[in-house]
Amino acid sequence: MSVTLVLTGCGAKKEPKEALKSAAVTALNMDSYASESQIKITDLKLEGESSPEMGVVFSMLKDAEINLTQVYQKEPMQSEASLEVKLTGDFSTTITLQFVTTKDKIYVKIPSIPFLPLPEKAVGKFLELDLKELAEYSGEEFDPDLLDTEKTQKFVAEIANVILSEYENEKFIKDIDPKDIELPEGFKAKQVVQFYVTNDTAKEAISILLQEALPKVLDIIAKDEYRAMMQLTPEDIEEAKKGLEEMDQNELQTTLDEMQRYLTINQFNMNTAIDKDNYPSYQEMNMDMAFSDPDTKDKIQLALQMKSQFTSINQKPTFSIGIPTDVMTMDEFLQEMNALGY
């Protein structure tokens, strides 16, 4: 009976909030991975008497997609990413950017952009940026912590933990059936947890963030290793804390009440699918909001979806780009740009 109870407990679902916290801690054990992310604007409308120029911008951004693929390894530190931006409308185009990062250098592939002519000798080559040299050039000291992915992961996990702690289960966080979301093909979720905000709870959600969560977030940022990583001084932290402490509660509530006049949340949720190894391997965010100006009567409708999946966790990574050899220094790039009249 004791063995049965232990085995049952090991396989049992955690409370939604605790499941998210536990998965965030497990994510710190990812020494290598491949990831794919997508942001897609599914609806974007502007109603009112705004300028025609804004209509052109909205037309270009409607149905826009941002796709990001990444491969990462902790030791020796190396990552590469490909960012693809697809625009529609009269300015329909696709822009692809590639990045490679090592412990002390960043390489950026110089793209071909239709509406921004770049030097022919530069397009297709990788711009090599030595971070230490760039820091010295700007009169600062290079801080390797800026590229310390392990420290960044730990920092994000601590912040997520304190923020989640302030939100109640059921009102903001709940379990959902894996069948209720479209999981990647072949993905099996042990548990799917949803953080959600409705139009009725938006005011409370923002109030909790500002009054309860942010002071604790600042305490985390104040830790020496994180403060240095973010290039902040103790005075910066104290000033931010003072600003929160001096926030007029009546004024805050008035502002939040005012917000409800022009913001309508049709949908806002973040779904996290936790796999059998307790990694938060898949996430998706669904947002559908409307912004109305009570004075001008202008109305903006915005809906977007974000998806992100981690695969090949702690497996030997496959780098398709590798460390670039066809490179150009910043000085060489600037010379070519000057020759074009930039």
C-alpha atoms as a PDB file:
ATOM      1  CA  MET A   1       0.000   0.000   0.000  1.00  0.00           C
ATOM      2  CA  SER A   2       2.849   2.425   0.852  1.00  0.00           C
ATOM      3  CA  VAL A   3       4.560   1.772  -2.479  1.00  0.00           C
ATOM      4  CA  THR A   4       1.255   2.265  -4.321  1.00  0.00           C
ATOM      5  CA  LEU A   5       0.649   5.586  -2.581  1.00  0.00           C
ATOM      6  CA  VAL A   6       4.166   6.825  -3.426  1.00  0.00           C
ATOM      7  CA  LEU A   7       3.835   5.829  -7.077  1.00  0.00           C
ATOM      8  CA  THR A   8       0.409   7.426  -7.295  1.00  0.00           C
ATOM      9  CA  GLY A   9       1.722  10.642  -5.746  1.00  0.00           C
ATOM     10  CA  CYS A  10       4.628  10.797  -8.212  1.00  0.00           C
ATOM     11  CA  GLY A  11       2.283  10.615 -11.169  1.00  0.00           C
ATOM     12  CA  ALA A  12      -0.361  12.935  -9.785  1.00  0.00           C
ATOM     13  CA  LYS A  13      -0.925  16.391 -11.218  1.00  0.00           C
ATOM     14  CA  LYS A  14       0.302  19.332  -9.195  1.00  0.00           C
ATOM     15  CA  GLU A  15      -1.867  22.331  -8.429  1.00  0.00           C
ATOM     16  CA  PRO A  16      -1.776  24.598 -11.527  1.00  0.00           C
ATOM     17  CA  LYS A  17       0.345  27.335  -9.938  1.00  0.00           C
ATOM     18  CA  GLU A  18       2.787  24.841  -8.407  1.00  0.00           C
ATOM     19  CA  ALA A  19       3.022  22.985 -11.730  1.00  0.00           C
ATOM     20  CA  LEU A  20       4.134  26.191 -13.504  1.00  0.00           C
ATOM     21  CA  LYS A  21       6.681  26.990 -10.790  1.00  0.00           C
ATOM     22  CA  SER A  22       8.079  23.460 -10.869  1.00  0.00           C
ATOM     23  CA  ALA A  23       8.357  23.472 -14.664  1.00  0.00           C
ATOM     24  CA  ALA A  24      10.167  26.829 -14.573  1.00  0.00           C
ATOM     25  CA  VAL A  25      12.761  25.344 -12.206  1.00  0.00           C
ATOM     26  CA  THR A  26      13.167  22.256 -14.400  1.00  0.00           C
ATOM     27  CA  ALA A  27      13.787  24.498 -17.412  1.00  0.00           C
ATOM     28  CA  LEU A  28      17.010  25.639 -15.736  1.00  0.00           C
ATOM     29  CA  ASN A  29      18.410  22.174 -16.518  1.00  0.00           C
ATOM     30  CA  MET A  30      18.289  22.756 -20.276  1.00  0.00           C
ATOM     31  CA  ASP A  31      21.945  22.699 -21.332  1.00  0.00           C
ATOM     32  CA  SER A  32      21.050  22.532 -25.018  1.00  0.00           C
ATOM     33  CA  TYR A  33      17.901  22.742 -27.114  1.00  0.00           C
ATOM     34  CA  ALA A  34      16.314  23.679 -30.406  1.00  0.00           C
ATOM     35  CA  SER A  35      13.316  25.980 -30.443  1.00  0.00           C
ATOM     36  CA  GLU A  36      10.744  27.327 -32.869  1.00  0.00           C
ATOM     37  CA  SER A  37       8.592  30.366 -32.157  1.00  0.00           C
ATOM     38  CA  GLN A  38       5.943  32.189 -34.139  1.00  0.00           C
ATOM     39  CA  ILE A  39       4.013  35.402 -33.637  1.00  0.00           C
ATOM     40  CA  LYS A  40       1.119  35.985 -36.017  1.00  0.00           C
ATOM     41  CA  ILE A  41      -1.199  38.984 -36.158  1.00  0.00           C
ATOM     42  CA  THR A  42      -4.575  37.422 -36.937  1.00  0.00           C
ATOM     43  CA  ASP A  43      -6.649  40.610 -36.868  1.00  0.00           C
ATOM     44  CA  LEU A  44      -5.788  44.296 -37.007  1.00  0.00           C
ATOM     45  CA  LYS A  45      -8.384  46.960 -37.748  1.00  0.00           C
ATOM     46  CA  LEU A  46      -8.572  50.706 -37.370  1.00  0.00           C
ATOM     47  CA  GLU A  47     -11.962  52.394 -37.294  1.00  0.00           C
ATOM     48  CA  GLY A  48     -12.342  56.158 -37.045  1.00  0.00           C
ATOM     49  CA  GLU A  49     -10.968  59.322 -38.581  1.00  0.00           C
ATOM     50  CA  SER A  50      -7.236  58.696 -38.138  1.00  0.00           C
ATOM     51  CA  SER A  51      -4.769  59.659 -40.863  1.00  0.00           C
ATOM     52  CA  PRO A  52      -4.560  57.605 -44.107  1.00  0.00           C
ATOM     53  CA  GLU A  53      -0.896  56.935 -43.319  1.00  0.00           C
ATOM     54  CA  MET A  54      -1.939  54.905 -40.280  1.00  0.00           C
ATOM     55  CA  GLY A  55      -4.257  52.872 -42.508  1.00  0.00           C
ATOM     56  CA  VAL A  56      -1.293  51.972 -44.721  1.00  0.00           C
ATOM     57  CA  VAL A  57       0.731  50.836 -41.697  1.00  0.00           C
ATOM     58  CA  PHE A  58      -2.168  48.741 -40.398  1.00  0.00           C
ATOM     59  CA  SER A  59      -2.619  47.171 -43.828  1.00  0.00           C
ATOM     60  CA  MET A  60       1.051  46.205 -43.895  1.00  0.00           C
ATOM     61  CA  LEU A  61       0.977  44.669 -40.409  1.00  0.00           C
ATOM     62  CA  LYS A  62      -2.289  42.739 -40.775  1.00  0.00           C
ATOM     63  CA  ASP A  63      -1.540  39.012 -41.176  1.00  0.00           C
ATOM     64  CA  ALA A  64       2.152  39.732 -40.483  1.00  0.00           C
ATOM     65  CA  GLU A  65       4.234  36.848 -39.161  1.00  0.00           C
ATOM     66  CA  ILE A  66       7.439  36.670 -37.157  1.00  0.00           C
ATOM     67  CA  ASN A  67       9.140  33.262 -37.134  1.00  0.00           C
ATOM     68  CA  LEU A  68      12.186  32.497 -35.007  1.00  0.00           C
ATOM     69  CA  THR A  69      14.220  29.295 -34.941  1.00  0.00           C
ATOM     70  CA  GLN A  70      17.109  28.809 -32.534  1.00  0.00           C
ATOM     71  CA  VAL A  71      19.713  26.222 -31.552  1.00  0.00           C
ATOM     72  CA  TYR A  72      21.580  26.638 -28.261  1.00  0.00           C
ATOM     73  CA  GLN A  73      24.261  24.915 -26.228  1.00  0.00           C
ATOM     74  CA  LYS A  74      25.605  25.958 -22.864  1.00  0.00           C
ATOM     75  CA  GLU A  75      29.186  24.639 -23.039  1.00  0.00           C
ATOM     76  CA  PRO A  76      30.998  25.875 -24.980  1.00  0.00           C
ATOM     77  CA  MET A  77      28.507  28.712 -25.281  1.00  0.00           C
ATOM     78  CA  GLN A  78      27.157  28.881 -28.826  1.00  0.00           C
ATOM     79  CA  SER A  79      23.787  29.698 -30.310  1.00  0.00           C
ATOM     80  CA  GLU A  80      22.404  30.525 -33.706  1.00  0.00           C
ATOM     81  CA  ALA A  81      19.046  31.940 -34.685  1.00  0.00           C
ATOM     82  CA  SER A  82      17.113  32.757 -37.810  1.00  0.00           C
ATOM     83  CA  LEU A  83      14.490  35.508 -37.658  1.00  0.00           C
ATOM     84  CA  GLU A  84      11.962  35.772 -40.470  1.00  0.00           C
ATOM     85  CA  VAL A  85       9.580  38.738 -40.765  1.00  0.00           C
ATOM     86  CA  LYS A  86       6.739  38.460 -43.278  1.00  0.00           C
ATOM     87  CA  LEU A  87       4.818  41.624 -44.173  1.00  0.00           C
ATOM     88  CA  THR A  88       1.676  41.798 -46.302  1.00  0.00           C
ATOM     89  CA  GLY A  89      -0.315  44.485 -48.112  1.00  0.00           C
ATOM     90  CA  ASP A  90       1.188  46.939 -50.606  1.00  0.00           C
ATOM     91  CA  PHE A  91       4.628  46.471 -49.042  1.00  0.00           C
ATOM     92  CA  SER A  92       4.483  42.673 -49.059  1.00  0.00           C
ATOM     93  CA  THR A  93       7.962  41.307 -48.409  1.00  0.00           C
ATOM     94  CA  THR A  94       9.926  38.822 -46.343  1.00  0.00           C
ATOM     95  CA  ILE A  95      13.025  39.835 -44.397  1.00  0.00           C
ATOM     96  CA  THR A  96      15.319  37.163 -42.964  1.00  0.00           C
ATOM     97  CA  LEU A  97      18.000  37.857 -40.367  1.00  0.00           C
ATOM     98  CA  GLN A  98      20.514  35.310 -39.062  1.00  0.00           C
ATOM     99  CA  PHE A  99      22.497  35.582 -35.841  1.00  0.00           C
ATOM    100  CA  VAL A 100      25.321  33.579 -34.313  1.00  0.00           C
ATOM    101  CA  THR A 101      26.440  34.177 -30.734  1.00  0.00           C
ATOM    102  CA  THR A 102      29.515  32.897 -28.897  1.00  0.00           C
ATOM    103  CA  LYS A 103      30.963  33.786 -25.510  1.00  0.00           C
ATOM    104  CA  ASP A 104      32.438  37.071 -26.716  1.00  0.00           C
ATOM    105  CA  LYS A 105      31.178  37.710 -30.240  1.00  0.00           C
ATOM    106  CA  ILE A 106      27.946  38.232 -32.157  1.00  0.00           C
ATOM    107  CA  TYR A 107      27.672  37.660 -35.908  1.00  0.00           C
ATOM    108  CA  VAL A 108      24.780  39.200 -37.873  1.00  0.00           C
ATOM    109  CA  LYS A 109      24.163  38.240 -41.496  1.00  0.00           C
ATOM    110  CA  ILE A 110      23.641  41.391 -43.527  1.00  0.00           C
ATOM    111  CA  PRO A 111      20.270  40.947 -45.278  1.00  0.00           C
ATOM    112  CA  SER A 112      18.902  42.090 -48.604  1.00  0.00           C
ATOM    113  CA  ILE A 113      16.086  44.555 -47.880  1.00  0.00           C
ATOM    114  CA  PRO A 114      14.079  45.838 -50.879  1.00  0.00           C
ATOM    115  CA  PHE A 115      13.285  49.284 -49.450  1.00  0.00           C
ATOM    116  CA  LEU A 116      16.719  49.760 -47.806  1.00  0.00           C
ATOM    117  CA  PRO A 117      19.569  49.328 -50.309  1.00  0.00           C
ATOM    118  CA  LEU A 118      22.713  48.006 -48.609  1.00  0.00           C
ATOM    119  CA  PRO A 119      26.253  47.713 -50.076  1.00  0.00           C
ATOM    120  CA  GLU A 120      26.489  44.843 -52.561  1.00  0.00           C
ATOM    121  CA  LYS A 121      29.821  43.748 -51.086  1.00  0.00           C
ATOM    122  CA  ALA A 122      28.220  43.498 -47.640  1.00  0.00           C
ATOM    123  CA  VAL A 123      24.945  41.683 -48.401  1.00  0.00           C
ATOM    124  CA  GLY A 124      25.207  37.999 -47.538  1.00  0.00           C
ATOM    125  CA  LYS A 125      28.253  38.407 -45.322  1.00  0.00           C
ATOM    126  CA  PHE A 126      28.248  38.236 -41.541  1.00  0.00           C
ATOM    127  CA  LEU A 127      28.980  41.415 -39.617  1.00  0.00           C
ATOM    128  CA  GLU A 128      31.389  40.400 -36.837  1.00  0.00           C
ATOM    129  CA  LEU A 129      30.893  42.273 -33.570  1.00  0.00           C
ATOM    130  CA  ASP A 130      33.525  41.835 -30.877  1.00  0.00           C
ATOM    131  CA  LEU A 131      31.642  42.749 -27.709  1.00  0.00           C
ATOM    132  CA  LYS A 132      34.742  43.633 -25.732  1.00  0.00           C
ATOM    133  CA  GLU A 133      35.964  46.012 -28.448  1.00  0.00           C
ATOM    134  CA  LEU A 134      32.513  47.591 -28.763  1.00  0.00           C
ATOM    135  CA  ALA A 135      32.389  48.186 -25.011  1.00  0.00           C
ATOM    136  CA  GLU A 136      35.832  49.767 -25.012  1.00  0.00           C
ATOM    137  CA  TYR A 137      34.886  51.934 -28.004  1.00  0.00           C
ATOM    138  CA  SER A 138      31.891  53.296 -26.086  1.00  0.00           C
ATOM    139  CA  GLY A 139      33.997  53.876 -22.962  1.00  0.00           C
ATOM    140  CA  GLU A 140      32.469  51.037 -20.980  1.00  0.00           C
ATOM    141  CA  GLU A 141      33.732  47.747 -19.591  1.00  0.00           C
ATOM    142  CA  PHE A 142      32.491  44.569 -21.261  1.00  0.00           C
ATOM    143  CA  ASP A 143      30.325  42.500 -18.918  1.00  0.00           C
ATOM    144  CA  PRO A 144      30.224  38.811 -19.981  1.00  0.00           C
ATOM    145  CA  ASP A 145      27.115  38.374 -17.818  1.00  0.00           C
ATOM    146  CA  LEU A 146      25.156  40.082 -20.595  1.00  0.00           C
ATOM    147  CA  LEU A 147      25.490  36.839 -22.589  1.00  0.00           C
ATOM    148  CA  ASP A 148      25.262  34.450 -19.628  1.00  0.00           C
ATOM    149  CA  THR A 149      22.228  32.411 -20.675  1.00  0.00           C
ATOM    150  CA  GLU A 150      22.281  30.309 -17.510  1.00  0.00           C
ATOM    151  CA  LYS A 151      22.071  33.398 -15.324  1.00  0.00           C
ATOM    152  CA  THR A 152      19.356  34.868 -17.547  1.00  0.00           C
ATOM    153  CA  GLN A 153      17.297  31.671 -17.279  1.00  0.00           C
ATOM    154  CA  LYS A 154      17.622  31.694 -13.492  1.00  0.00           C
ATOM    155  CA  PHE A 155      16.668  35.373 -13.389  1.00  0.00           C
ATOM    156  CA  VAL A 156      13.529  34.808 -15.489  1.00  0.00           C
ATOM    157  CA  ALA A 157      12.555  31.775 -13.384  1.00  0.00           C
ATOM    158  CA  GLU A 158      12.807  33.756 -10.129  1.00  0.00           C
ATOM    159  CA  ILE A 159      10.713  36.591 -11.524  1.00  0.00           C
ATOM    160  CA  ALA A 160       8.083  34.187 -12.890  1.00  0.00           C
ATOM    161  CA  ASN A 161       7.920  32.517  -9.477  1.00  0.00           C
ATOM    162  CA  VAL A 162       7.221  35.711  -7.503  1.00  0.00           C
ATOM    163  CA  ILE A 163       4.696  36.997 -10.045  1.00  0.00           C
ATOM    164  CA  LEU A 164       2.758  33.731 -10.177  1.00  0.00           C
ATOM    165  CA  SER A 165       2.683  33.575  -6.376  1.00  0.00           C
ATOM    166  CA  GLU A 166       0.464  36.668  -6.283  1.00  0.00           C
ATOM    167  CA  TYR A 167      -2.269  35.287  -8.551  1.00  0.00           C
ATOM    168  CA  GLU A 168      -4.978  32.945  -7.277  1.00  0.00           C
ATOM    169  CA  ASN A 169      -5.700  29.525  -8.710  1.00  0.00           C
ATOM    170  CA  GLU A 170      -9.015  29.317 -10.581  1.00  0.00           C
ATOM    171  CA  LYS A 171      -9.438  33.089 -10.862  1.00  0.00           C
ATOM    172  CA  PHE A 172      -6.256  33.491 -12.950  1.00  0.00           C
ATOM    173  CA  ILE A 173      -4.616  30.051 -13.219  1.00  0.00           C
ATOM    174  CA  LYS A 174      -6.255  26.723 -14.017  1.00  0.00           C
ATOM    175  CA  ASP A 175      -5.742  23.310 -15.594  1.00  0.00           C
ATOM    176  CA  ILE A 176      -7.198  22.749 -19.035  1.00  0.00           C
ATOM    177  CA  ASP A 177      -7.671  19.571 -21.043  1.00  0.00           C
ATOM    178  CA  PRO A 178      -4.803  19.056 -23.556  1.00  0.00           C
ATOM    179  CA  LYS A 179      -7.500  18.346 -26.144  1.00  0.00           C
ATOM    180  CA  ASP A 180      -8.690  21.948 -25.819  1.00  0.00           C
ATOM    181  CA  ILE A 181      -5.572  23.347 -27.509  1.00  0.00           C
ATOM    182  CA  GLU A 182      -3.764  22.442 -30.723  1.00  0.00           C
ATOM    183  CA  LEU A 183      -0.536  20.795 -29.559  1.00  0.00           C
ATOM    184  CA  PRO A 184       2.343  20.139 -31.996  1.00  0.00           C
ATOM    185  CA  GLU A 185       2.109  16.824 -33.814  1.00  0.00           C
ATOM    186  CA  GLY A 186       3.420  13.990 -31.647  1.00  0.00           C
ATOM    187  CA  PHE A 187       3.599  16.123 -28.506  1.00  0.00           C
ATOM    188  CA  LYS A 188       2.203  14.467 -25.390  1.00  0.00           C
ATOM    189  CA  ALA A 189       1.417  16.777 -22.491  1.00  0.00           C
ATOM    190  CA  LYS A 190       1.461  15.559 -18.900  1.00  0.00           C
ATOM    191  CA  GLN A 191      -0.392  18.701 -17.855  1.00  0.00           C
ATOM    192  CA  VAL A 192      -1.541  21.928 -19.494  1.00  0.00           C
ATOM    193  CA  VAL A 193      -1.856  25.026 -17.313  1.00  0.00           C
ATOM    194  CA  GLN A 194      -3.525  28.238 -18.402  1.00  0.00           C
ATOM    195  CA  PHE A 195      -2.910  31.729 -17.063  1.00  0.00           C
ATOM    196  CA  TYR A 196      -5.801  33.904 -18.158  1.00  0.00           C
ATOM    197  CA  VAL A 197      -7.258  37.365 -17.707  1.00  0.00           C
ATOM    198  CA  THR A 198     -10.816  38.342 -18.623  1.00  0.00           C
ATOM    199  CA  ASN A 199     -12.398  41.732 -19.091  1.00  0.00           C
ATOM    200  CA  ASP A 200     -13.868  41.433 -15.588  1.00  0.00           C
ATOM    201  CA  THR A 201     -10.548  40.587 -13.900  1.00  0.00           C
ATOM    202  CA  ALA A 202      -8.239  42.904 -15.903  1.00  0.00           C
ATOM    203  CA  LYS A 203      -8.358  45.705 -13.331  1.00  0.00           C
ATOM    204  CA  GLU A 204      -7.497  43.344 -10.478  1.00  0.00           C
ATOM    205  CA  ALA A 205      -4.755  41.631 -12.509  1.00  0.00           C
ATOM    206  CA  ILE A 206      -2.981  44.921 -13.255  1.00  0.00           C
ATOM    207  CA  SER A 207      -3.413  46.130  -9.677  1.00  0.00           C
ATOM    208  CA  ILE A 208      -1.810  42.915  -8.355  1.00  0.00           C
ATOM    209  CA  LEU A 209       1.082  43.303 -10.789  1.00  0.00           C
ATOM    210  CA  LEU A 210       1.802  46.904  -9.789  1.00  0.00           C
ATOM    211  CA  GLN A 211       1.166  46.720  -6.054  1.00  0.00           C
ATOM    212  CA  GLU A 212       2.110  43.183  -5.069  1.00  0.00           C
ATOM    213  CA  ALA A 213       4.372  41.628  -7.694  1.00  0.00           C
ATOM    214  CA  LEU A 214       6.591  44.492  -8.901  1.00  0.00           C
ATOM    215  CA  PRO A 215       8.062  45.333  -5.456  1.00  0.00           C
ATOM    216  CA  LYS A 216       9.180  41.688  -5.158  1.00  0.00           C
ATOM    217  CA  VAL A 217      10.522  41.743  -8.710  1.00  0.00           C
ATOM    218  CA  LEU A 218      12.635  44.773  -7.788  1.00  0.00           C
ATOM    219  CA  ASP A 219      14.014  42.855  -4.801  1.00  0.00           C
ATOM    220  CA  ILE A 220      15.208  40.157  -7.219  1.00  0.00           C
ATOM    221  CA  ILE A 221      16.718  42.699  -9.616  1.00  0.00           C
ATOM    222  CA  ALA A 222      18.519  44.276  -6.635  1.00  0.00           C
ATOM    223  CA  LYS A 223      20.626  41.132  -6.171  1.00  0.00           C
ATOM    224  CA  ASP A 224      24.197  41.972  -7.126  1.00  0.00           C
ATOM    225  CA  GLU A 225      24.494  39.413  -9.941  1.00  0.00           C
ATOM    226  CA  TYR A 226      21.250  40.479 -11.613  1.00  0.00           C
ATOM    227  CA  ARG A 227      21.663  44.208 -11.057  1.00  0.00           C
ATOM    228  CA  ALA A 228      25.103  44.097 -12.699  1.00  0.00           C
ATOM    229  CA  MET A 229      23.763  41.988 -15.552  1.00  0.00           C
ATOM    230  CA  MET A 230      21.109  44.624 -16.255  1.00  0.00           C
ATOM    231  CA  GLN A 231      23.654  47.431 -15.837  1.00  0.00           C
ATOM    232  CA  LEU A 232      21.689  49.113 -13.060  1.00  0.00           C
ATOM    233  CA  THR A 233      23.000  50.911  -9.975  1.00  0.00           C
ATOM    234  CA  PRO A 234      21.655  50.511  -6.414  1.00  0.00           C
ATOM    235  CA  GLU A 235      20.341  54.069  -6.789  1.00  0.00           C
ATOM    236  CA  ASP A 236      18.310  53.014  -9.840  1.00  0.00           C
ATOM    237  CA  ILE A 237      16.644  50.248  -7.821  1.00  0.00           C
ATOM    238  CA  GLU A 238      15.914  52.508  -4.866  1.00  0.00           C
ATOM    239  CA  GLU A 239      14.407  55.147  -7.124  1.00  0.00           C
ATOM    240  CA  ALA A 240      12.107  52.552  -8.711  1.00  0.00           C
ATOM    241  CA  LYS A 241      11.050  51.244  -5.293  1.00  0.00           C
ATOM    242  CA  LYS A 242      10.396  54.769  -4.076  1.00  0.00           C
ATOM    243  CA  GLY A 243       8.214  55.410  -7.107  1.00  0.00           C
ATOM    244  CA  LEU A 244       6.068  52.369  -6.290  1.00  0.00           C
ATOM    245  CA  GLU A 245       5.829  53.284  -2.602  1.00  0.00           C
ATOM    246  CA  GLU A 246       4.749  56.829  -3.390  1.00  0.00           C
ATOM    247  CA  MET A 247       2.122  55.719  -5.886  1.00  0.00           C
ATOM    248  CA  ASP A 248      -1.163  57.335  -4.959  1.00  0.00           C
ATOM    249  CA  GLN A 249      -3.656  54.504  -4.476  1.00  0.00           C
ATOM    250  CA  ASN A 250      -6.696  56.634  -5.259  1.00  0.00           C
ATOM    251  CA  GLU A 251      -5.030  57.909  -8.421  1.00  0.00           C
ATOM    252  CA  LEU A 252      -4.106  54.343  -9.416  1.00  0.00           C
ATOM    253  CA  GLN A 253      -7.664  53.111  -8.997  1.00  0.00           C
ATOM    254  CA  THR A 254      -8.961  56.099 -10.966  1.00  0.00           C
ATOM    255  CA  THR A 255      -6.515  55.276 -13.774  1.00  0.00           C
ATOM    256  CA  LEU A 256      -7.583  51.627 -13.779  1.00  0.00           C
ATOM    257  CA  ASP A 257     -11.236  52.639 -13.851  1.00  0.00           C
ATOM    258  CA  GLU A 258     -10.438  54.920 -16.780  1.00  0.00           C
ATOM    259  CA  MET A 259      -8.652  52.053 -18.527  1.00  0.00           C
ATOM    260  CA  GLN A 260     -11.845  50.023 -18.494  1.00  0.00           C
ATOM    261  CA  ARG A 261     -13.496  52.763 -20.558  1.00  0.00           C
ATOM    262  CA  TYR A 262     -11.213  52.196 -23.520  1.00  0.00           C
ATOM    263  CA  LEU A 263      -9.859  48.632 -23.148  1.00  0.00           C
ATOM    264  CA  THR A 264     -11.920  45.529 -23.882  1.00  0.00           C
ATOM    265  CA  ILE A 265     -10.328  42.117 -23.418  1.00  0.00           C
ATOM    266  CA  ASN A 266     -12.097  39.545 -25.563  1.00  0.00           C
ATOM    267  CA  GLN A 267      -9.423  36.937 -24.867  1.00  0.00           C
ATOM    268  CA  PHE A 268      -6.065  36.803 -23.124  1.00  0.00           C
ATOM    269  CA  ASN A 269      -4.478  33.540 -22.076  1.00  0.00           C
ATOM    270  CA  MET A 270      -1.109  31.817 -21.892  1.00  0.00           C
ATOM    271  CA  ASN A 271      -1.157  28.032 -22.145  1.00  0.00           C
ATOM    272  CA  THR A 272       1.873  26.051 -20.952  1.00  0.00           C
ATOM    273  CA  ALA A 273       2.120  22.367 -21.871  1.00  0.00           C
ATOM    274  CA  ILE A 274       4.389  20.401 -19.529  1.00  0.00           C
ATOM    275  CA  ASP A 275       5.912  17.189 -20.902  1.00  0.00           C
ATOM    276  CA  LYS A 276       6.640  13.918 -19.097  1.00  0.00           C
ATOM    277  CA  ASP A 277      10.090  15.190 -18.024  1.00  0.00           C
ATOM    278  CA  ASN A 278       8.476  18.283 -16.455  1.00  0.00           C
ATOM    279  CA  TYR A 279       9.837  20.684 -19.072  1.00  0.00           C
ATOM    280  CA  PRO A 280       7.517  23.521 -20.209  1.00  0.00           C
ATOM    281  CA  SER A 281       8.183  22.414 -23.782  1.00  0.00           C
ATOM    282  CA  TYR A 282       5.288  24.174 -25.486  1.00  0.00           C
ATOM    283  CA  GLN A 283       3.614  27.521 -24.870  1.00  0.00           C
ATOM    284  CA  GLU A 284       1.031  29.532 -26.709  1.00  0.00           C
ATOM    285  CA  MET A 285      -0.490  32.933 -26.056  1.00  0.00           C
ATOM    286  CA  ASN A 286      -3.827  34.061 -27.477  1.00  0.00           C
ATOM    287  CA  MET A 287      -4.758  37.734 -27.332  1.00  0.00           C
ATOM    288  CA  ASP A 288      -7.788  39.552 -28.695  1.00  0.00           C
ATOM    289  CA  MET A 289      -8.291  43.138 -27.509  1.00  0.00           C
ATOM    290  CA  ALA A 290     -10.043  46.322 -28.563  1.00  0.00           C
ATOM    291  CA  PHE A 291      -8.868  49.859 -27.731  1.00  0.00           C
ATOM    292  CA  SER A 292     -11.434  52.661 -27.970  1.00  0.00           C
ATOM    293  CA  ASP A 293     -10.698  56.361 -27.530  1.00  0.00           C
ATOM    294  CA  PRO A 294     -13.700  57.920 -25.722  1.00  0.00           C
ATOM    295  CA  ASP A 295     -12.841  61.348 -27.138  1.00  0.00           C
ATOM    296  CA  THR A 296     -12.010  60.680 -30.810  1.00  0.00           C
ATOM    297  CA  LYS A 297     -14.156  57.527 -31.078  1.00  0.00           C
ATOM    298  CA  ASP A 298     -11.248  55.799 -32.851  1.00  0.00           C
ATOM    299  CA  LYS A 299     -11.180  52.047 -32.293  1.00  0.00           C
ATOM    300  CA  ILE A 300      -8.327  49.587 -32.773  1.00  0.00           C
ATOM    301  CA  GLN A 301      -8.962  45.846 -32.895  1.00  0.00           C
ATOM    302  CA  LEU A 302      -5.862  43.676 -32.339  1.00  0.00           C
ATOM    303  CA  ALA A 303      -5.660  39.895 -32.196  1.00  0.00           C
ATOM    304  CA  LEU A 304      -2.485  37.836 -32.266  1.00  0.00           C
ATOM    305  CA  GLN A 305      -1.232  34.380 -31.450  1.00  0.00           C
ATOM    306  CA  MET A 306       2.196  33.380 -30.222  1.00  0.00           C
ATOM    307  CA  LYS A 307       3.531  29.806 -30.205  1.00  0.00           C
ATOM    308  CA  SER A 308       6.846  28.444 -28.924  1.00  0.00           C
ATOM    309  CA  GLN A 309       8.196  24.895 -28.739  1.00  0.00           C
ATOM    310  CA  PHE A 310      11.426  23.421 -27.341  1.00  0.00           C
ATOM    311  CA  THR A 311      12.800  20.180 -28.778  1.00  0.00           C
ATOM    312  CA  SER A 312      16.058  18.158 -28.626  1.00  0.00           C
ATOM    313  CA  ILE A 313      16.465  19.169 -24.978  1.00  0.00           C
ATOM    314  CA  ASN A 314      19.925  18.187 -23.647  1.00  0.00           C
ATOM    315  CA  GLN A 315      20.777  16.400 -26.890  1.00  0.00           C
ATOM    316  CA  LYS A 316      23.822  17.114 -29.042  1.00  0.00           C
ATOM    317  CA  PRO A 317      22.857  20.247 -31.008  1.00  0.00           C
ATOM    318  CA  THR A 318      23.097  20.505 -34.777  1.00  0.00           C
ATOM    319  CA  PHE A 319      24.289  23.924 -35.931  1.00  0.00           C
ATOM    320  CA  SER A 320      23.411  24.623 -39.564  1.00  0.00           C
ATOM    321  CA  ILE A 321      25.358  27.909 -39.753  1.00  0.00           C
ATOM    322  CA  GLY A 322      28.286  27.234 -37.441  1.00  0.00           C
ATOM    323  CA  ILE A 323      30.880  29.915 -36.690  1.00  0.00           C
ATOM    324  CA  PRO A 324      30.861  32.228 -39.755  1.00  0.00           C
ATOM    325  CA  THR A 325      34.067  32.634 -41.778  1.00  0.00           C
ATOM    326  CA  ASP A 326      32.831  34.986 -44.523  1.00  0.00           C
ATOM    327  CA  VAL A 327      32.813  37.985 -42.193  1.00  0.00           C
ATOM    328  CA  MET A 328      33.118  41.763 -42.305  1.00  0.00           C
ATOM    329  CA  THR A 329      34.261  44.017 -39.490  1.00  0.00           C
ATOM    330  CA  MET A 330      32.280  47.046 -38.375  1.00  0.00           C
ATOM    331  CA  ASP A 331      34.917  49.393 -39.840  1.00  0.00           C
ATOM    332  CA  GLU A 332      34.709  47.645 -43.223  1.00  0.00           C
ATOM    333  CA  PHE A 333      30.927  47.782 -43.160  1.00  0.00           C
ATOM    334  CA  LEU A 334      30.884  51.500 -42.306  1.00  0.00           C
ATOM    335  CA  GLN A 335      33.303  52.214 -45.181  1.00  0.00           C
ATOM    336  CA  GLU A 336      30.949  50.478 -47.617  1.00  0.00           C
ATOM    337  CA  MET A 337      27.972  52.349 -46.199  1.00  0.00           C
ATOM    338  CA  ASN A 338      29.793  55.690 -46.538  1.00  0.00           C
ATOM    339  CA  ALA A 339      30.532  54.854 -50.155  1.00  0.00           C
ATOM    340  CA  LEU A 340      26.762  54.621 -50.749  1.00  0.00           C
ATOM    341  CA  GLY A 341      26.209  58.004 -49.139  1.00  0.00           C
ATOM    342  CA  TYR A 342      24.870  56.828 -45.779  1.00  0.00           C
END
